[in-house]
Amino acid sequence: MTSVAPIPTAPDADSLLKPSDYIDPANLTTAAPAETAATHLASADERFSVGTWRAEPYTEYIEAYPGDEYTRIIEGRVTLTQDDGTTWTFGLGDAFTIAAGWRGEHRVDEPLLKQFAYYIP
């Protein structure tokens, strides 16, 4: 592995993506979507990772988000609605964070491609 590696964006990112299973089927409130991902960097203990993820539209309800995540949207749109009714919609170029323990609905509104940094405490 080299010490510096560029992270491609669409359409070049698709050549790196492999089937993935980040979505917990128990959380789904719609049919399971096709999802693919690539890990670009991971810590030795695999608690921290940087990657790219693609998913088709779907909705899930998350009781407690398992980690801390930074996300930048490359394509598509996602809507997050937390239990108190606060709603955020993010699209192309937007960046946001989700803290471990967040609770609410996670809805991919349009085919989504994102880059992420994720830490499991």
N, C-alpha and C. Protein backbone atom coordinates (compact mmCIF):
# COMPACT_ATOMS: atom_id res chain seq x y z
N MET A 1 0.84 -1.18 0.00
CA MET A 1 0.00 0.00 0.00
C MET A 1 0.88 1.24 0.00
N THR A 2 0.50 2.23 -0.79
CA THR A 2 1.24 3.48 -0.80
C THR A 2 0.77 4.36 0.35
N SER A 3 1.56 5.36 0.69
CA SER A 3 1.20 6.24 1.80
C SER A 3 0.24 7.34 1.37
N VAL A 4 0.11 7.58 0.07
CA VAL A 4 -0.85 8.56 -0.45
C VAL A 4 -1.65 7.88 -1.56
N ALA A 5 -2.97 8.00 -1.49
CA ALA A 5 -3.82 7.39 -2.51
C ALA A 5 -5.01 8.28 -2.78
N PRO A 6 -5.23 8.66 -4.03
CA PRO A 6 -6.41 9.47 -4.35
C PRO A 6 -7.68 8.64 -4.17
N ILE A 7 -8.77 9.31 -3.80
CA ILE A 7 -10.07 8.66 -3.67
C ILE A 7 -10.92 9.13 -4.85
N PRO A 8 -11.26 8.23 -5.75
CA PRO A 8 -12.00 8.65 -6.94
C PRO A 8 -13.45 9.01 -6.64
N THR A 9 -14.00 9.84 -7.50
CA THR A 9 -15.42 10.15 -7.43
C THR A 9 -16.08 9.57 -8.68
N ALA A 10 -17.37 9.75 -8.80
CA ALA A 10 -18.12 9.18 -9.94
C ALA A 10 -17.59 9.76 -11.23
N PRO A 11 -17.55 9.02 -12.31
CA PRO A 11 -17.94 7.61 -12.42
C PRO A 11 -16.80 6.65 -12.08
N ASP A 12 -15.60 7.16 -11.83
CA ASP A 12 -14.45 6.29 -11.57
C ASP A 12 -14.59 5.46 -10.30
N ALA A 13 -15.34 5.94 -9.33
CA ALA A 13 -15.50 5.20 -8.07
C ALA A 13 -16.19 3.86 -8.29
N ASP A 14 -17.09 3.79 -9.23
CA ASP A 14 -17.86 2.55 -9.44
C ASP A 14 -16.98 1.34 -9.73
N SER A 15 -15.84 1.55 -10.35
CA SER A 15 -14.98 0.42 -10.67
C SER A 15 -14.38 -0.22 -9.41
N LEU A 16 -14.38 0.50 -8.30
CA LEU A 16 -13.83 -0.01 -7.04
C LEU A 16 -14.87 -0.68 -6.15
N LEU A 17 -16.14 -0.39 -6.38
CA LEU A 17 -17.20 -0.82 -5.47
C LEU A 17 -17.53 -2.29 -5.63
N LYS A 18 -17.70 -2.94 -4.49
CA LYS A 18 -18.06 -4.36 -4.42
C LYS A 18 -19.33 -4.48 -3.58
N PRO A 19 -20.11 -5.56 -3.74
CA PRO A 19 -21.31 -5.73 -2.90
C PRO A 19 -20.96 -5.58 -1.42
N SER A 20 -21.84 -4.92 -0.69
CA SER A 20 -21.60 -4.69 0.74
C SER A 20 -22.87 -4.98 1.53
N ASP A 21 -22.73 -4.95 2.86
CA ASP A 21 -23.87 -5.22 3.73
C ASP A 21 -23.86 -4.31 4.96
N TYR A 22 -23.68 -3.02 4.72
CA TYR A 22 -23.71 -2.06 5.83
C TYR A 22 -25.11 -1.94 6.43
N ILE A 23 -26.14 -2.08 5.61
CA ILE A 23 -27.51 -1.91 6.09
C ILE A 23 -27.93 -3.14 6.89
N ASP A 24 -28.43 -2.90 8.09
CA ASP A 24 -28.94 -3.98 8.94
C ASP A 24 -30.36 -4.30 8.49
N PRO A 25 -30.61 -5.51 7.97
CA PRO A 25 -31.95 -5.86 7.48
C PRO A 25 -33.04 -5.67 8.54
N ALA A 26 -32.70 -5.80 9.82
CA ALA A 26 -33.68 -5.64 10.89
C ALA A 26 -34.19 -4.20 10.98
N ASN A 27 -33.44 -3.23 10.45
CA ASN A 27 -33.83 -1.83 10.52
C ASN A 27 -34.70 -1.38 9.35
N LEU A 28 -34.78 -2.18 8.30
CA LEU A 28 -35.45 -1.76 7.07
C LEU A 28 -36.96 -1.62 7.25
N THR A 29 -37.50 -0.52 6.69
CA THR A 29 -38.95 -0.33 6.64
C THR A 29 -39.43 -0.40 5.19
N THR A 30 -38.51 -0.61 4.26
CA THR A 30 -38.81 -0.85 2.85
C THR A 30 -37.98 -2.05 2.42
N ALA A 31 -38.10 -2.41 1.16
CA ALA A 31 -37.31 -3.52 0.64
C ALA A 31 -35.82 -3.20 0.73
N ALA A 32 -35.01 -4.24 0.83
CA ALA A 32 -33.55 -4.09 0.90
C ALA A 32 -33.03 -3.54 -0.43
N PRO A 33 -32.19 -2.52 -0.37
CA PRO A 33 -31.63 -1.95 -1.60
C PRO A 33 -30.36 -2.65 -2.02
N ALA A 34 -30.00 -2.47 -3.28
CA ALA A 34 -28.67 -2.87 -3.72
C ALA A 34 -27.70 -1.87 -3.09
N GLU A 35 -26.60 -2.37 -2.54
CA GLU A 35 -25.58 -1.49 -1.97
C GLU A 35 -24.20 -2.03 -2.31
N THR A 36 -23.28 -1.11 -2.57
CA THR A 36 -21.89 -1.45 -2.86
C THR A 36 -20.99 -0.49 -2.12
N ALA A 37 -19.74 -0.91 -1.89
CA ALA A 37 -18.82 -0.06 -1.14
C ALA A 37 -17.38 -0.42 -1.46
N ALA A 38 -16.51 0.51 -1.11
CA ALA A 38 -15.06 0.29 -1.17
C ALA A 38 -14.45 0.95 0.06
N THR A 39 -13.53 0.25 0.70
CA THR A 39 -12.78 0.82 1.82
C THR A 39 -11.46 1.33 1.26
N HIS A 40 -11.16 2.60 1.52
CA HIS A 40 -9.93 3.22 1.02
C HIS A 40 -8.83 3.22 2.08
N LEU A 41 -9.24 3.23 3.35
CA LEU A 41 -8.27 3.26 4.45
C LEU A 41 -8.97 2.70 5.68
N ALA A 42 -8.28 1.87 6.44
CA ALA A 42 -8.85 1.33 7.68
C ALA A 42 -7.75 1.19 8.72
N SER A 43 -8.11 1.44 9.97
CA SER A 43 -7.16 1.23 11.06
C SER A 43 -6.94 -0.26 11.27
N ALA A 44 -5.86 -0.62 11.92
CA ALA A 44 -5.53 -2.02 12.14
C ALA A 44 -6.63 -2.74 12.91
N ASP A 45 -7.29 -2.04 13.84
CA ASP A 45 -8.37 -2.66 14.61
C ASP A 45 -9.72 -2.55 13.92
N GLU A 46 -9.75 -1.95 12.73
CA GLU A 46 -10.94 -1.78 11.89
C GLU A 46 -12.04 -0.96 12.54
N ARG A 47 -11.70 -0.16 13.56
CA ARG A 47 -12.69 0.71 14.21
C ARG A 47 -12.82 2.04 13.48
N PHE A 48 -11.84 2.39 12.66
CA PHE A 48 -11.89 3.61 11.86
C PHE A 48 -11.71 3.23 10.40
N SER A 49 -12.55 3.81 9.54
CA SER A 49 -12.41 3.54 8.11
C SER A 49 -12.84 4.75 7.29
N VAL A 50 -12.30 4.81 6.09
CA VAL A 50 -12.66 5.82 5.10
C VAL A 50 -13.07 5.04 3.86
N GLY A 51 -14.20 5.41 3.27
CA GLY A 51 -14.64 4.65 2.11
C GLY A 51 -15.64 5.39 1.24
N THR A 52 -16.11 4.67 0.25
CA THR A 52 -17.14 5.16 -0.66
C THR A 52 -18.27 4.13 -0.63
N TRP A 53 -19.52 4.61 -0.65
CA TRP A 53 -20.68 3.73 -0.55
C TRP A 53 -21.75 4.19 -1.52
N ARG A 54 -22.37 3.23 -2.20
CA ARG A 54 -23.48 3.52 -3.11
C ARG A 54 -24.66 2.68 -2.69
N ALA A 55 -25.88 3.30 -2.74
CA ALA A 55 -27.10 2.55 -2.42
C ALA A 55 -28.26 3.08 -3.24
N GLU A 56 -29.16 2.19 -3.54
CA GLU A 56 -30.42 2.54 -4.20
C GLU A 56 -31.38 3.06 -3.13
N PRO A 57 -32.46 3.76 -3.50
CA PRO A 57 -33.40 4.29 -2.51
C PRO A 57 -33.96 3.20 -1.57
N TYR A 58 -34.06 3.57 -0.30
CA TYR A 58 -34.63 2.69 0.72
C TYR A 58 -34.86 3.53 1.96
N THR A 59 -35.54 2.94 2.95
CA THR A 59 -35.75 3.60 4.24
C THR A 59 -35.49 2.61 5.35
N GLU A 60 -34.86 3.10 6.41
CA GLU A 60 -34.64 2.29 7.60
C GLU A 60 -34.85 3.14 8.84
N TYR A 61 -35.20 2.49 9.94
CA TYR A 61 -35.29 3.17 11.22
C TYR A 61 -34.16 2.65 12.09
N ILE A 62 -33.34 3.57 12.59
CA ILE A 62 -32.16 3.20 13.36
C ILE A 62 -32.39 3.57 14.83
N GLU A 63 -32.34 2.58 15.69
CA GLU A 63 -32.53 2.79 17.14
C GLU A 63 -31.34 3.52 17.77
N ALA A 64 -30.14 3.17 17.35
CA ALA A 64 -28.93 3.80 17.88
C ALA A 64 -27.82 3.63 16.85
N TYR A 65 -27.45 4.74 16.19
CA TYR A 65 -26.40 4.69 15.17
C TYR A 65 -25.13 4.14 15.83
N PRO A 66 -24.51 3.14 15.25
CA PRO A 66 -23.42 2.44 15.93
C PRO A 66 -22.09 3.18 16.02
N GLY A 67 -21.88 4.21 15.21
CA GLY A 67 -20.59 4.89 15.23
C GLY A 67 -20.73 6.37 14.93
N ASP A 68 -19.59 7.06 14.90
CA ASP A 68 -19.53 8.46 14.50
C ASP A 68 -19.14 8.50 13.03
N GLU A 69 -19.89 9.27 12.22
CA GLU A 69 -19.63 9.29 10.78
C GLU A 69 -19.61 10.71 10.23
N TYR A 70 -18.66 10.94 9.34
CA TYR A 70 -18.61 12.13 8.51
C TYR A 70 -18.96 11.66 7.10
N THR A 71 -19.84 12.39 6.41
CA THR A 71 -20.28 12.03 5.06
C THR A 71 -20.22 13.23 4.14
N ARG A 72 -19.80 12.99 2.89
CA ARG A 72 -19.91 13.97 1.80
C ARG A 72 -20.68 13.28 0.68
N ILE A 73 -21.76 13.95 0.21
CA ILE A 73 -22.61 13.39 -0.84
C ILE A 73 -21.98 13.71 -2.21
N ILE A 74 -21.77 12.67 -3.00
CA ILE A 74 -21.21 12.80 -4.35
C ILE A 74 -22.33 12.79 -5.39
N GLU A 75 -23.36 11.98 -5.16
CA GLU A 75 -24.54 11.89 -6.02
C GLU A 75 -25.74 11.57 -5.15
N GLY A 76 -26.92 12.04 -5.55
CA GLY A 76 -28.16 11.63 -4.91
C GLY A 76 -28.57 12.51 -3.75
N ARG A 77 -29.49 11.97 -2.95
CA ARG A 77 -30.06 12.73 -1.84
C ARG A 77 -30.48 11.78 -0.73
N VAL A 78 -30.26 12.22 0.51
CA VAL A 78 -30.63 11.44 1.70
C VAL A 78 -31.36 12.37 2.66
N THR A 79 -32.36 11.83 3.36
CA THR A 79 -33.10 12.59 4.36
C THR A 79 -33.00 11.86 5.70
N LEU A 80 -32.64 12.61 6.74
CA LEU A 80 -32.54 12.09 8.10
C LEU A 80 -33.60 12.78 8.94
N THR A 81 -34.41 12.00 9.63
CA THR A 81 -35.43 12.56 10.52
C THR A 81 -35.23 11.94 11.89
N GLN A 82 -34.82 12.77 12.86
CA GLN A 82 -34.60 12.20 14.19
C GLN A 82 -35.90 12.16 14.96
N ASP A 83 -35.89 11.46 16.08
CA ASP A 83 -37.11 11.19 16.83
C ASP A 83 -37.90 12.43 17.23
N ASP A 84 -37.26 13.57 17.41
CA ASP A 84 -38.00 14.77 17.80
C ASP A 84 -38.64 15.47 16.60
N GLY A 85 -38.52 14.87 15.39
CA GLY A 85 -39.13 15.44 14.19
C GLY A 85 -38.21 16.34 13.38
N THR A 86 -37.03 16.66 13.90
CA THR A 86 -36.08 17.48 13.15
C THR A 86 -35.64 16.71 11.91
N THR A 87 -35.73 17.37 10.75
CA THR A 87 -35.41 16.71 9.48
C THR A 87 -34.35 17.50 8.73
N TRP A 88 -33.40 16.76 8.14
CA TRP A 88 -32.37 17.33 7.29
C TRP A 88 -32.37 16.57 5.98
N THR A 89 -32.23 17.28 4.88
CA THR A 89 -32.06 16.64 3.58
C THR A 89 -30.73 17.13 3.01
N PHE A 90 -29.91 16.18 2.55
CA PHE A 90 -28.59 16.49 2.02
C PHE A 90 -28.48 15.97 0.59
N GLY A 91 -27.83 16.77 -0.27
CA GLY A 91 -27.65 16.39 -1.66
C GLY A 91 -26.24 16.70 -2.13
N LEU A 92 -26.07 16.68 -3.43
CA LEU A 92 -24.78 16.86 -4.09
C LEU A 92 -23.91 17.93 -3.43
N GLY A 93 -22.73 17.52 -2.98
CA GLY A 93 -21.76 18.44 -2.39
C GLY A 93 -21.94 18.69 -0.91
N ASP A 94 -23.09 18.33 -0.34
CA ASP A 94 -23.31 18.55 1.08
C ASP A 94 -22.47 17.60 1.92
N ALA A 95 -22.11 18.06 3.11
CA ALA A 95 -21.38 17.24 4.08
C ALA A 95 -22.09 17.34 5.41
N PHE A 96 -22.05 16.25 6.18
CA PHE A 96 -22.70 16.24 7.49
C PHE A 96 -22.07 15.17 8.37
N THR A 97 -22.39 15.23 9.65
CA THR A 97 -21.95 14.21 10.59
C THR A 97 -23.16 13.60 11.28
N ILE A 98 -22.99 12.36 11.71
CA ILE A 98 -23.97 11.68 12.55
C ILE A 98 -23.18 11.13 13.74
N ALA A 99 -23.64 11.44 14.95
CA ALA A 99 -22.96 10.96 16.15
C ALA A 99 -23.48 9.59 16.55
N ALA A 100 -22.60 8.80 17.14
CA ALA A 100 -23.00 7.50 17.67
C ALA A 100 -24.19 7.69 18.60
N GLY A 101 -25.17 6.81 18.49
CA GLY A 101 -26.35 6.88 19.33
C GLY A 101 -27.52 7.60 18.70
N TRP A 102 -27.29 8.31 17.55
CA TRP A 102 -28.38 9.01 16.88
C TRP A 102 -29.52 8.02 16.62
N ARG A 103 -30.75 8.52 16.74
CA ARG A 103 -31.93 7.67 16.57
C ARG A 103 -32.91 8.35 15.63
N GLY A 104 -33.35 7.60 14.61
CA GLY A 104 -34.34 8.15 13.70
C GLY A 104 -34.41 7.41 12.39
N GLU A 105 -35.11 8.06 11.43
CA GLU A 105 -35.29 7.47 10.11
C GLU A 105 -34.19 7.95 9.17
N HIS A 106 -33.60 7.01 8.46
CA HIS A 106 -32.56 7.27 7.45
C HIS A 106 -33.16 6.85 6.12
N ARG A 107 -33.39 7.84 5.23
CA ARG A 107 -34.04 7.54 3.95
C ARG A 107 -33.18 8.00 2.79
N VAL A 108 -32.81 7.09 1.92
CA VAL A 108 -32.12 7.43 0.68
C VAL A 108 -33.20 7.73 -0.34
N ASP A 109 -33.31 9.00 -0.74
CA ASP A 109 -34.38 9.46 -1.62
C ASP A 109 -34.09 9.22 -3.10
N GLU A 110 -32.82 9.28 -3.46
CA GLU A 110 -32.36 9.09 -4.84
C GLU A 110 -31.11 8.23 -4.78
N PRO A 111 -30.81 7.48 -5.85
CA PRO A 111 -29.57 6.69 -5.82
C PRO A 111 -28.42 7.54 -5.26
N LEU A 112 -27.75 7.00 -4.26
CA LEU A 112 -26.79 7.76 -3.46
C LEU A 112 -25.38 7.24 -3.64
N LEU A 113 -24.44 8.16 -3.78
CA LEU A 113 -23.01 7.84 -3.73
C LEU A 113 -22.41 8.81 -2.73
N LYS A 114 -21.75 8.26 -1.71
CA LYS A 114 -21.15 9.12 -0.69
C LYS A 114 -19.76 8.63 -0.36
N GLN A 115 -18.96 9.56 0.14
CA GLN A 115 -17.67 9.23 0.74
C GLN A 115 -17.85 9.43 2.24
N PHE A 116 -17.19 8.58 3.02
CA PHE A 116 -17.40 8.65 4.45
C PHE A 116 -16.11 8.37 5.23
N ALA A 117 -16.09 8.89 6.44
CA ALA A 117 -15.10 8.52 7.46
C ALA A 117 -15.92 8.06 8.64
N TYR A 118 -15.62 6.88 9.15
CA TYR A 118 -16.47 6.24 10.16
C TYR A 118 -15.61 5.70 11.29
N TYR A 119 -16.06 5.97 12.53
CA TYR A 119 -15.36 5.49 13.72
C TYR A 119 -16.34 4.78 14.64
N ILE A 120 -16.00 3.57 15.05
CA ILE A 120 -16.80 2.81 16.01
C ILE A 120 -16.16 2.96 17.37
N PRO A 121 -16.82 3.68 18.28
CA PRO A 121 -16.21 3.87 19.62
C PRO A 121 -16.13 2.60 20.43
